[in-house]
Amino acid sequence: MKKQLTRRALRMLDLSIGRFPELQGKAMTVGHTRSNLGSAIVPREIGPQTRWMIRLKVKGLSYNTIGHELTHLTQGLAQIPRSERHKGARTRIPGGEKQCDIWTLARSPLFCDEAPGYLKLPRRIRENWPPYAKRVRALCSAAIRKRGKIRLYIRWLEEEFKKLAREPLKERPAEAQRSLPFGK
């Protein structure tokens, strides 16, 4: 990975890993992939020599992709006995790609730089991501809270996305054109 690693990617990794206290102190390998945006290799057995690994495509790398792959690693932490988990570990994240997207977006606004890949988002939201990112993140956090009460919380969430897409889009105010004083 060292050959493909840019200063930008390294900075992004450092910022992202800082949002995952449960991975602190774990040996992690970051590799390169060309076939997809990223992947995570979660070990089957946990021990003192366990290596956690993610692979990333550096070209076009987003915080969302890094966060998604790190969230997969935290999903794997469920295999570790509770007594050995990091004290800052959050609640157990259920397995699955959609679940991974939900927990990634809810974790930090840093990971909202790009629309998630697995959640079913209406075209209007996906194509106009920046104005919707904050609201989608809030809905993901609400879905996590509802998970204990609503078994089909992902279905609820995706229905909420449909409602959100029907609301008028609040455009960011365009910056006023600056005028330059010209001499007479």
N, C-alpha and C. Protein backbone atom coordinates (compact mmCIF):
# COMPACT_ATOMS: atom_id res chain seq x y z
N MET A 1 0.82 -1.20 0.00
CA MET A 1 0.00 0.00 0.00
C MET A 1 0.86 1.26 0.00
N LYS A 2 2.07 1.19 0.51
CA LYS A 2 2.90 2.39 0.63
C LYS A 2 3.07 3.09 -0.71
N LYS A 3 3.15 2.34 -1.81
CA LYS A 3 3.33 2.95 -3.12
C LYS A 3 2.09 3.74 -3.53
N GLN A 4 0.91 3.27 -3.18
CA GLN A 4 -0.32 3.93 -3.56
C GLN A 4 -0.77 4.99 -2.55
N LEU A 5 -0.23 4.94 -1.36
CA LEU A 5 -0.68 5.83 -0.29
C LEU A 5 -0.23 7.27 -0.54
N THR A 6 -1.18 8.16 -0.63
CA THR A 6 -0.89 9.57 -0.81
C THR A 6 -0.99 10.27 0.55
N ARG A 7 -0.47 11.47 0.61
CA ARG A 7 -0.60 12.24 1.87
C ARG A 7 -2.06 12.47 2.20
N ARG A 8 -2.85 12.72 1.17
CA ARG A 8 -4.29 12.94 1.37
C ARG A 8 -4.94 11.69 1.97
N ALA A 9 -4.65 10.52 1.40
CA ALA A 9 -5.24 9.27 1.91
C ALA A 9 -4.79 8.98 3.34
N LEU A 10 -3.53 9.23 3.63
CA LEU A 10 -3.01 9.01 4.98
C LEU A 10 -3.70 9.92 5.98
N ARG A 11 -3.89 11.18 5.60
CA ARG A 11 -4.58 12.14 6.46
C ARG A 11 -6.03 11.68 6.70
N MET A 12 -6.68 11.22 5.64
CA MET A 12 -8.06 10.74 5.75
C MET A 12 -8.14 9.52 6.68
N LEU A 13 -7.20 8.61 6.54
CA LEU A 13 -7.18 7.42 7.40
C LEU A 13 -6.99 7.81 8.86
N ASP A 14 -6.05 8.70 9.13
CA ASP A 14 -5.80 9.14 10.51
C ASP A 14 -7.05 9.76 11.12
N LEU A 15 -7.69 10.65 10.38
CA LEU A 15 -8.91 11.29 10.89
C LEU A 15 -10.01 10.26 11.14
N SER A 16 -10.17 9.33 10.21
CA SER A 16 -11.23 8.33 10.30
C SER A 16 -11.00 7.36 11.46
N ILE A 17 -9.80 6.84 11.59
CA ILE A 17 -9.51 5.87 12.65
C ILE A 17 -9.72 6.50 14.02
N GLY A 18 -9.49 7.79 14.13
CA GLY A 18 -9.73 8.48 15.39
C GLY A 18 -11.18 8.45 15.83
N ARG A 19 -12.10 8.20 14.91
CA ARG A 19 -13.53 8.13 15.23
C ARG A 19 -13.95 6.72 15.71
N PHE A 20 -12.99 5.80 15.80
CA PHE A 20 -13.28 4.42 16.19
C PHE A 20 -12.45 4.03 17.41
N PRO A 21 -12.85 4.49 18.60
CA PRO A 21 -12.06 4.18 19.81
C PRO A 21 -11.97 2.68 20.07
N GLU A 22 -12.95 1.92 19.63
CA GLU A 22 -12.93 0.48 19.87
C GLU A 22 -11.84 -0.24 19.08
N LEU A 23 -11.29 0.42 18.07
CA LEU A 23 -10.20 -0.18 17.29
C LEU A 23 -8.82 0.25 17.79
N GLN A 24 -8.77 1.16 18.75
CA GLN A 24 -7.48 1.61 19.28
C GLN A 24 -6.74 0.43 19.92
N GLY A 25 -5.46 0.34 19.63
CA GLY A 25 -4.65 -0.74 20.18
C GLY A 25 -4.71 -2.03 19.38
N LYS A 26 -5.52 -2.08 18.34
CA LYS A 26 -5.61 -3.28 17.50
C LYS A 26 -4.63 -3.14 16.35
N ALA A 27 -3.91 -4.21 16.04
CA ALA A 27 -3.00 -4.20 14.89
C ALA A 27 -3.85 -4.19 13.62
N MET A 28 -3.63 -3.20 12.77
CA MET A 28 -4.45 -3.08 11.57
C MET A 28 -3.55 -2.92 10.35
N THR A 29 -3.92 -3.60 9.29
CA THR A 29 -3.21 -3.50 8.03
C THR A 29 -4.12 -2.80 7.03
N VAL A 30 -3.58 -1.85 6.31
CA VAL A 30 -4.33 -1.16 5.27
C VAL A 30 -3.70 -1.56 3.94
N GLY A 31 -4.50 -2.16 3.09
CA GLY A 31 -4.03 -2.60 1.78
C GLY A 31 -4.70 -1.83 0.66
N HIS A 32 -4.35 -2.17 -0.56
CA HIS A 32 -4.85 -1.50 -1.76
C HIS A 32 -5.70 -2.47 -2.56
N THR A 33 -6.76 -1.96 -3.15
CA THR A 33 -7.58 -2.76 -4.05
C THR A 33 -7.86 -1.95 -5.30
N ARG A 34 -8.01 -2.63 -6.41
CA ARG A 34 -8.38 -1.97 -7.66
C ARG A 34 -9.79 -2.37 -8.09
N SER A 35 -10.30 -3.46 -7.53
CA SER A 35 -11.55 -4.02 -8.02
C SER A 35 -12.80 -3.33 -7.49
N ASN A 36 -12.75 -2.74 -6.31
CA ASN A 36 -13.91 -2.06 -5.76
C ASN A 36 -13.45 -0.89 -4.90
N LEU A 37 -14.38 -0.20 -4.27
CA LEU A 37 -14.00 0.96 -3.47
C LEU A 37 -13.23 0.57 -2.22
N GLY A 38 -13.62 -0.54 -1.63
CA GLY A 38 -12.95 -0.99 -0.42
C GLY A 38 -13.48 -2.32 0.04
N SER A 39 -12.76 -2.94 0.97
CA SER A 39 -13.20 -4.20 1.57
C SER A 39 -12.55 -4.32 2.94
N ALA A 40 -13.18 -5.11 3.78
CA ALA A 40 -12.64 -5.35 5.12
C ALA A 40 -12.49 -6.86 5.30
N ILE A 41 -11.42 -7.26 5.93
CA ILE A 41 -11.19 -8.66 6.23
C ILE A 41 -11.27 -8.79 7.75
N VAL A 42 -12.36 -9.42 8.18
CA VAL A 42 -12.60 -9.60 9.61
C VAL A 42 -12.10 -10.99 9.97
N PRO A 43 -11.20 -11.10 10.96
CA PRO A 43 -10.67 -12.41 11.32
C PRO A 43 -11.75 -13.33 11.90
N ARG A 44 -11.61 -14.61 11.60
CA ARG A 44 -12.57 -15.60 12.11
C ARG A 44 -12.33 -15.89 13.59
N GLU A 45 -11.08 -15.90 13.99
CA GLU A 45 -10.74 -16.16 15.39
C GLU A 45 -9.98 -14.97 15.94
N ILE A 46 -10.27 -14.64 17.18
CA ILE A 46 -9.65 -13.49 17.82
C ILE A 46 -8.61 -13.98 18.81
N GLY A 47 -7.42 -13.40 18.72
CA GLY A 47 -6.34 -13.74 19.63
C GLY A 47 -5.36 -12.59 19.72
N PRO A 48 -4.29 -12.77 20.48
CA PRO A 48 -3.33 -11.66 20.64
C PRO A 48 -2.64 -11.26 19.35
N GLN A 49 -2.50 -12.16 18.40
CA GLN A 49 -1.82 -11.86 17.13
C GLN A 49 -2.79 -11.53 16.00
N THR A 50 -4.06 -11.34 16.31
CA THR A 50 -5.06 -11.07 15.29
C THR A 50 -4.74 -9.77 14.57
N ARG A 51 -4.82 -9.81 13.24
CA ARG A 51 -4.60 -8.61 12.42
C ARG A 51 -5.91 -8.27 11.73
N TRP A 52 -6.31 -7.04 11.89
CA TRP A 52 -7.50 -6.53 11.24
C TRP A 52 -7.05 -5.86 9.95
N MET A 53 -7.80 -6.02 8.86
CA MET A 53 -7.35 -5.49 7.57
C MET A 53 -8.48 -4.83 6.81
N ILE A 54 -8.15 -3.70 6.19
CA ILE A 54 -9.05 -3.10 5.22
C ILE A 54 -8.24 -2.86 3.95
N ARG A 55 -8.94 -2.89 2.83
CA ARG A 55 -8.32 -2.58 1.54
C ARG A 55 -9.11 -1.43 0.94
N LEU A 56 -8.40 -0.46 0.39
CA LEU A 56 -9.04 0.73 -0.14
C LEU A 56 -8.54 1.06 -1.54
N LYS A 57 -9.41 1.63 -2.34
CA LYS A 57 -9.02 2.16 -3.64
C LYS A 57 -8.71 3.63 -3.40
N VAL A 58 -7.47 4.03 -3.55
CA VAL A 58 -7.03 5.38 -3.19
C VAL A 58 -7.62 6.43 -4.13
N LYS A 59 -7.71 6.11 -5.41
CA LYS A 59 -8.25 7.07 -6.37
C LYS A 59 -9.74 7.28 -6.07
N GLY A 60 -10.12 8.51 -5.80
CA GLY A 60 -11.51 8.83 -5.50
C GLY A 60 -11.94 8.42 -4.09
N LEU A 61 -10.99 8.21 -3.20
CA LEU A 61 -11.27 7.77 -1.84
C LEU A 61 -12.14 8.78 -1.09
N SER A 62 -13.13 8.28 -0.36
CA SER A 62 -14.00 9.15 0.43
C SER A 62 -13.95 8.71 1.89
N TYR A 63 -14.28 9.64 2.77
CA TYR A 63 -14.37 9.31 4.19
C TYR A 63 -15.45 8.26 4.41
N ASN A 64 -16.53 8.33 3.63
CA ASN A 64 -17.60 7.36 3.77
C ASN A 64 -17.10 5.94 3.53
N THR A 65 -16.28 5.75 2.51
CA THR A 65 -15.73 4.42 2.22
C THR A 65 -14.83 3.95 3.35
N ILE A 66 -13.95 4.83 3.83
CA ILE A 66 -13.06 4.44 4.94
C ILE A 66 -13.90 4.08 6.16
N GLY A 67 -14.86 4.94 6.50
CA GLY A 67 -15.72 4.68 7.66
C GLY A 67 -16.49 3.39 7.52
N HIS A 68 -16.99 3.12 6.32
CA HIS A 68 -17.76 1.89 6.08
C HIS A 68 -16.89 0.67 6.37
N GLU A 69 -15.66 0.67 5.86
CA GLU A 69 -14.79 -0.49 6.06
C GLU A 69 -14.36 -0.62 7.52
N LEU A 70 -14.12 0.49 8.20
CA LEU A 70 -13.78 0.42 9.62
C LEU A 70 -14.98 -0.06 10.44
N THR A 71 -16.18 0.31 10.01
CA THR A 71 -17.38 -0.18 10.69
C THR A 71 -17.50 -1.69 10.55
N HIS A 72 -17.12 -2.23 9.39
CA HIS A 72 -17.10 -3.69 9.24
C HIS A 72 -16.18 -4.33 10.29
N LEU A 73 -15.05 -3.69 10.54
CA LEU A 73 -14.15 -4.24 11.56
C LEU A 73 -14.80 -4.20 12.94
N THR A 74 -15.54 -3.14 13.24
CA THR A 74 -16.21 -3.08 14.54
C THR A 74 -17.33 -4.11 14.62
N GLN A 75 -17.93 -4.43 13.48
CA GLN A 75 -18.91 -5.52 13.48
C GLN A 75 -18.23 -6.82 13.92
N GLY A 76 -16.99 -6.99 13.50
CA GLY A 76 -16.24 -8.19 13.87
C GLY A 76 -15.87 -8.23 15.34
N LEU A 77 -15.87 -7.08 16.01
CA LEU A 77 -15.54 -7.06 17.44
C LEU A 77 -16.56 -7.82 18.28
N ALA A 78 -17.74 -8.06 17.73
CA ALA A 78 -18.76 -8.81 18.46
C ALA A 78 -18.27 -10.22 18.80
N GLN A 79 -17.26 -10.68 18.07
CA GLN A 79 -16.71 -12.02 18.32
C GLN A 79 -15.79 -12.04 19.54
N ILE A 80 -15.32 -10.86 19.97
CA ILE A 80 -14.39 -10.78 21.09
C ILE A 80 -15.18 -10.87 22.39
N PRO A 81 -14.72 -11.67 23.35
CA PRO A 81 -15.41 -11.71 24.65
C PRO A 81 -15.50 -10.32 25.25
N ARG A 82 -16.63 -10.01 25.88
CA ARG A 82 -16.90 -8.69 26.42
C ARG A 82 -15.78 -8.17 27.32
N SER A 83 -15.18 -9.05 28.12
CA SER A 83 -14.13 -8.63 29.06
C SER A 83 -12.88 -8.13 28.35
N GLU A 84 -12.67 -8.52 27.08
CA GLU A 84 -11.47 -8.13 26.34
C GLU A 84 -11.70 -6.94 25.41
N ARG A 85 -12.95 -6.46 25.29
CA ARG A 85 -13.24 -5.35 24.41
C ARG A 85 -12.73 -4.05 24.99
N HIS A 86 -12.50 -3.09 24.13
CA HIS A 86 -12.06 -1.75 24.53
C HIS A 86 -13.16 -1.10 25.37
N LYS A 87 -12.76 -0.38 26.40
CA LYS A 87 -13.73 0.26 27.29
C LYS A 87 -14.62 1.26 26.56
N GLY A 88 -14.11 1.88 25.51
CA GLY A 88 -14.89 2.87 24.77
C GLY A 88 -15.79 2.26 23.71
N ALA A 89 -15.87 0.93 23.66
CA ALA A 89 -16.65 0.27 22.62
C ALA A 89 -18.12 0.66 22.72
N ARG A 90 -18.71 0.93 21.59
CA ARG A 90 -20.12 1.30 21.54
C ARG A 90 -20.96 0.03 21.51
N THR A 91 -22.25 0.19 21.38
CA THR A 91 -23.11 -0.98 21.34
C THR A 91 -22.76 -1.85 20.14
N ARG A 92 -23.06 -3.12 20.23
CA ARG A 92 -22.77 -4.08 19.17
C ARG A 92 -23.47 -3.67 17.88
N ILE A 93 -22.72 -3.71 16.78
CA ILE A 93 -23.27 -3.35 15.48
C ILE A 93 -23.65 -4.65 14.76
N PRO A 94 -24.91 -4.77 14.36
CA PRO A 94 -25.31 -5.99 13.67
C PRO A 94 -24.62 -6.13 12.32
N GLY A 95 -24.44 -7.36 11.86
CA GLY A 95 -23.78 -7.62 10.59
C GLY A 95 -24.66 -7.21 9.42
N GLY A 96 -24.04 -6.96 8.28
CA GLY A 96 -24.77 -6.63 7.07
C GLY A 96 -24.31 -5.31 6.49
N GLU A 97 -24.47 -5.18 5.18
CA GLU A 97 -24.01 -3.97 4.48
C GLU A 97 -24.88 -2.75 4.79
N LYS A 98 -26.20 -2.93 4.78
CA LYS A 98 -27.07 -1.79 5.09
C LYS A 98 -26.86 -1.32 6.53
N GLN A 99 -26.72 -2.28 7.44
CA GLN A 99 -26.47 -1.93 8.84
C GLN A 99 -25.16 -1.16 8.95
N CYS A 100 -24.17 -1.60 8.19
CA CYS A 100 -22.87 -0.94 8.20
C CYS A 100 -23.00 0.51 7.72
N ASP A 101 -23.78 0.74 6.67
CA ASP A 101 -24.01 2.11 6.19
C ASP A 101 -24.69 2.96 7.27
N ILE A 102 -25.69 2.41 7.93
CA ILE A 102 -26.44 3.15 8.95
C ILE A 102 -25.52 3.57 10.08
N TRP A 103 -24.76 2.62 10.62
CA TRP A 103 -23.89 2.92 11.76
C TRP A 103 -22.73 3.84 11.35
N THR A 104 -22.27 3.73 10.12
CA THR A 104 -21.20 4.62 9.65
C THR A 104 -21.67 6.06 9.60
N LEU A 105 -22.82 6.30 8.98
CA LEU A 105 -23.34 7.66 8.88
C LEU A 105 -23.67 8.24 10.25
N ALA A 106 -24.20 7.42 11.13
CA ALA A 106 -24.58 7.89 12.47
C ALA A 106 -23.36 8.20 13.34
N ARG A 107 -22.26 7.56 13.07
CA ARG A 107 -21.06 7.70 13.91
C ARG A 107 -20.49 9.11 13.90
N SER A 108 -20.38 9.72 12.72
CA SER A 108 -19.74 11.03 12.65
C SER A 108 -20.14 11.75 11.36
N PRO A 109 -20.29 13.08 11.41
CA PRO A 109 -20.55 13.83 10.18
C PRO A 109 -19.40 13.72 9.18
N LEU A 110 -18.22 13.35 9.65
CA LEU A 110 -17.07 13.18 8.77
C LEU A 110 -17.39 12.19 7.65
N PHE A 111 -18.18 11.17 7.95
CA PHE A 111 -18.46 10.10 6.99
C PHE A 111 -19.63 10.42 6.06
N CYS A 112 -20.11 11.66 6.10
CA CYS A 112 -21.24 12.06 5.26
C CYS A 112 -20.79 12.80 4.00
N ASP A 113 -19.55 12.61 3.60
CA ASP A 113 -19.04 13.30 2.42
C ASP A 113 -19.54 12.70 1.11
N GLU A 114 -20.13 11.53 1.20
CA GLU A 114 -20.60 10.82 0.00
C GLU A 114 -21.82 10.00 0.40
N ALA A 115 -22.75 9.81 -0.52
CA ALA A 115 -23.93 8.99 -0.24
C ALA A 115 -23.51 7.54 0.00
N PRO A 116 -24.20 6.85 0.91
CA PRO A 116 -23.86 5.45 1.18
C PRO A 116 -24.20 4.57 -0.02
N GLY A 117 -23.49 3.47 -0.13
CA GLY A 117 -23.66 2.61 -1.29
C GLY A 117 -24.74 1.55 -1.19
N TYR A 118 -25.14 1.16 0.03
CA TYR A 118 -26.04 0.03 0.17
C TYR A 118 -27.46 0.40 0.60
N LEU A 119 -27.62 1.52 1.28
CA LEU A 119 -28.96 1.93 1.67
C LEU A 119 -29.75 2.34 0.43
N LYS A 120 -31.03 2.03 0.44
CA LYS A 120 -31.89 2.36 -0.68
C LYS A 120 -32.33 3.81 -0.55
N LEU A 121 -31.68 4.67 -1.29
CA LEU A 121 -31.98 6.10 -1.27
C LEU A 121 -32.71 6.48 -2.55
N PRO A 122 -33.73 7.34 -2.45
CA PRO A 122 -34.36 7.83 -3.68
C PRO A 122 -33.34 8.58 -4.52
N ARG A 123 -33.54 8.55 -5.82
CA ARG A 123 -32.62 9.18 -6.76
C ARG A 123 -32.38 10.65 -6.41
N ARG A 124 -33.44 11.34 -6.01
CA ARG A 124 -33.32 12.76 -5.69
C ARG A 124 -32.30 13.00 -4.57
N ILE A 125 -32.30 12.14 -3.57
CA ILE A 125 -31.34 12.29 -2.46
C ILE A 125 -29.94 11.91 -2.93
N ARG A 126 -29.82 10.80 -3.63
CA ARG A 126 -28.50 10.33 -4.07
C ARG A 126 -27.83 11.35 -5.00
N GLU A 127 -28.60 11.93 -5.91
CA GLU A 127 -28.04 12.88 -6.88
C GLU A 127 -27.80 14.27 -6.29
N ASN A 128 -28.45 14.58 -5.18
CA ASN A 128 -28.29 15.88 -4.52
C ASN A 128 -27.81 15.66 -3.09
N TRP A 129 -26.81 14.84 -2.91
CA TRP A 129 -26.40 14.40 -1.58
C TRP A 129 -26.08 15.51 -0.57
N PRO A 130 -25.24 16.49 -0.89
CA PRO A 130 -24.84 17.45 0.16
C PRO A 130 -25.99 18.11 0.92
N PRO A 131 -27.05 18.60 0.26
CA PRO A 131 -28.13 19.22 1.05
C PRO A 131 -28.91 18.21 1.92
N TYR A 132 -28.84 16.95 1.60
CA TYR A 132 -29.58 15.93 2.35
C TYR A 132 -28.74 15.21 3.40
N ALA A 133 -27.43 15.32 3.34
CA ALA A 133 -26.55 14.51 4.17
C ALA A 133 -26.86 14.61 5.66
N LYS A 134 -27.04 15.82 6.15
CA LYS A 134 -27.28 16.02 7.58
C LYS A 134 -28.60 15.37 8.02
N ARG A 135 -29.63 15.51 7.21
CA ARG A 135 -30.94 14.93 7.55
C ARG A 135 -30.89 13.40 7.47
N VAL A 136 -30.18 12.86 6.48
CA VAL A 136 -30.04 11.40 6.36
C VAL A 136 -29.29 10.87 7.58
N ARG A 137 -28.26 11.56 8.00
CA ARG A 137 -27.50 11.15 9.18
C ARG A 137 -28.40 11.13 10.41
N ALA A 138 -29.23 12.16 10.57
CA ALA A 138 -30.15 12.21 11.71
C ALA A 138 -31.14 11.05 11.67
N LEU A 139 -31.61 10.71 10.48
CA LEU A 139 -32.54 9.58 10.34
C LEU A 139 -31.84 8.26 10.67
N CYS A 140 -30.58 8.12 10.31
CA CYS A 140 -29.83 6.91 10.65
C CYS A 140 -29.68 6.78 12.17
N SER A 141 -29.40 7.87 12.84
CA SER A 141 -29.31 7.85 14.31
C SER A 141 -30.65 7.47 14.92
N ALA A 142 -31.73 8.01 14.37
CA ALA A 142 -33.07 7.68 14.86
C ALA A 142 -33.38 6.20 14.64
N ALA A 143 -32.95 5.66 13.52
CA ALA A 143 -33.19 4.25 13.22
C ALA A 143 -32.47 3.35 14.22
N ILE A 144 -31.26 3.73 14.61
CA ILE A 144 -30.51 2.94 15.60
C ILE A 144 -31.26 2.95 16.93
N ARG A 145 -31.79 4.11 17.32
CA ARG A 145 -32.56 4.18 18.57
C ARG A 145 -33.83 3.35 18.49
N LYS A 146 -34.45 3.32 17.31
CA LYS A 146 -35.70 2.58 17.13
C LYS A 146 -35.47 1.07 17.01
N ARG A 147 -34.26 0.66 16.75
CA ARG A 147 -33.95 -0.75 16.50
C ARG A 147 -34.45 -1.67 17.60
N GLY A 148 -34.37 -1.24 18.84
CA GLY A 148 -34.84 -2.07 19.95
C GLY A 148 -36.34 -2.23 19.99
N LYS A 149 -37.07 -1.28 19.39
CA LYS A 149 -38.54 -1.29 19.43
C LYS A 149 -39.17 -1.77 18.12
N ILE A 150 -38.52 -1.44 17.03
CA ILE A 150 -39.06 -1.78 15.70
C ILE A 150 -38.14 -2.81 15.05
N ARG A 151 -38.65 -3.99 14.85
CA ARG A 151 -37.83 -5.04 14.26
C ARG A 151 -37.40 -4.70 12.83
N LEU A 152 -38.27 -4.05 12.10
CA LEU A 152 -37.99 -3.72 10.70
C LEU A 152 -37.53 -2.26 10.60
N TYR A 153 -36.53 -1.91 11.40
CA TYR A 153 -36.06 -0.53 11.46
C TYR A 153 -35.43 -0.06 10.16
N ILE A 154 -34.85 -0.97 9.40
CA ILE A 154 -34.25 -0.57 8.11
C ILE A 154 -35.36 -0.21 7.13
N ARG A 155 -36.43 -0.97 7.13
CA ARG A 155 -37.58 -0.65 6.27
C ARG A 155 -38.16 0.71 6.68
N TRP A 156 -38.27 0.94 8.00
CA TRP A 156 -38.75 2.23 8.49
C TRP A 156 -37.85 3.35 7.96
N LEU A 157 -36.55 3.15 8.07
CA LEU A 157 -35.58 4.17 7.65
C LEU A 157 -35.73 4.48 6.16
N GLU A 158 -35.82 3.46 5.35
CA GLU A 158 -35.91 3.68 3.91
C GLU A 158 -37.24 4.34 3.52
N GLU A 159 -38.30 4.10 4.29
CA GLU A 159 -39.56 4.81 4.08
C GLU A 159 -39.40 6.30 4.44
N GLU A 160 -38.64 6.56 5.50
CA GLU A 160 -38.37 7.95 5.90
C GLU A 160 -37.57 8.67 4.82
N PHE A 161 -36.67 7.96 4.16
CA PHE A 161 -35.91 8.55 3.05
C PHE A 161 -36.86 8.97 1.93
N LYS A 162 -37.86 8.14 1.64
CA LYS A 162 -38.84 8.48 0.60
C LYS A 162 -39.59 9.74 0.96
N LYS A 163 -40.00 9.86 2.24
CA LYS A 163 -40.70 11.06 2.69
C LYS A 163 -39.80 12.29 2.57
N LEU A 164 -38.55 12.12 2.94
CA LEU A 164 -37.58 13.22 2.87
C LEU A 164 -37.41 13.69 1.43
N ALA A 165 -37.38 12.78 0.50
CA ALA A 165 -37.20 13.13 -0.92
C ALA A 165 -38.39 13.90 -1.47
N ARG A 166 -39.57 13.72 -0.88
CA ARG A 166 -40.77 14.43 -1.35
C ARG A 166 -40.83 15.87 -0.83
N GLU A 167 -40.06 16.17 0.21
CA GLU A 167 -40.04 17.53 0.75
C GLU A 167 -39.29 18.45 -0.21
N PRO A 168 -39.65 19.73 -0.22
CA PRO A 168 -38.91 20.66 -1.09
C PRO A 168 -37.45 20.72 -0.69
N LEU A 169 -36.60 20.73 -1.68
CA LEU A 169 -35.16 20.77 -1.44
C LEU A 169 -34.77 22.18 -1.04
N LYS A 170 -34.12 22.29 0.11
CA LYS A 170 -33.64 23.59 0.57
C LYS A 170 -32.25 23.78 0.01
N GLU A 171 -32.19 24.60 -1.01
CA GLU A 171 -30.91 24.87 -1.66
C GLU A 171 -30.04 25.72 -0.75
N ARG A 172 -28.75 25.53 -0.85
CA ARG A 172 -27.83 26.41 -0.15
C ARG A 172 -27.89 27.76 -0.83
N PRO A 173 -27.93 28.83 -0.05
CA PRO A 173 -27.99 30.14 -0.70
C PRO A 173 -26.74 30.37 -1.55
N ALA A 174 -26.96 30.78 -2.76
CA ALA A 174 -25.83 31.03 -3.66
C ALA A 174 -25.06 32.24 -3.15
N GLU A 175 -23.77 32.15 -3.24
CA GLU A 175 -22.95 33.28 -2.81
C GLU A 175 -23.21 34.45 -3.75
N ALA A 176 -23.41 35.58 -3.14
CA ALA A 176 -23.65 36.77 -3.94
C ALA A 176 -22.40 37.06 -4.77
N GLN A 177 -22.61 37.46 -5.98
CA GLN A 177 -21.48 37.79 -6.84
C GLN A 177 -20.82 39.05 -6.30
N ARG A 178 -19.54 38.98 -6.18
CA ARG A 178 -18.82 40.14 -5.65
C ARG A 178 -18.62 41.16 -6.76
N SER A 179 -18.85 42.40 -6.39
CA SER A 179 -18.65 43.44 -7.39
C SER A 179 -17.36 44.19 -7.07
N LEU A 180 -16.69 44.56 -8.08
CA LEU A 180 -15.44 45.30 -7.94
C LEU A 180 -15.70 46.75 -8.32
N PRO A 181 -15.23 47.66 -7.50
CA PRO A 181 -15.43 49.07 -7.85
C PRO A 181 -14.52 49.47 -9.01
N PHE A 182 -15.11 50.04 -10.00
CA PHE A 182 -14.34 50.51 -11.15
C PHE A 182 -14.25 52.03 -11.08
N GLY A 183 -13.09 52.55 -11.42
CA GLY A 183 -12.89 54.01 -11.40
C GLY A 183 -13.65 54.66 -12.53
N LYS A 184 -14.09 55.88 -12.29
CA LYS A 184 -14.85 56.60 -13.32
C LYS A 184 -13.96 57.51 -14.08
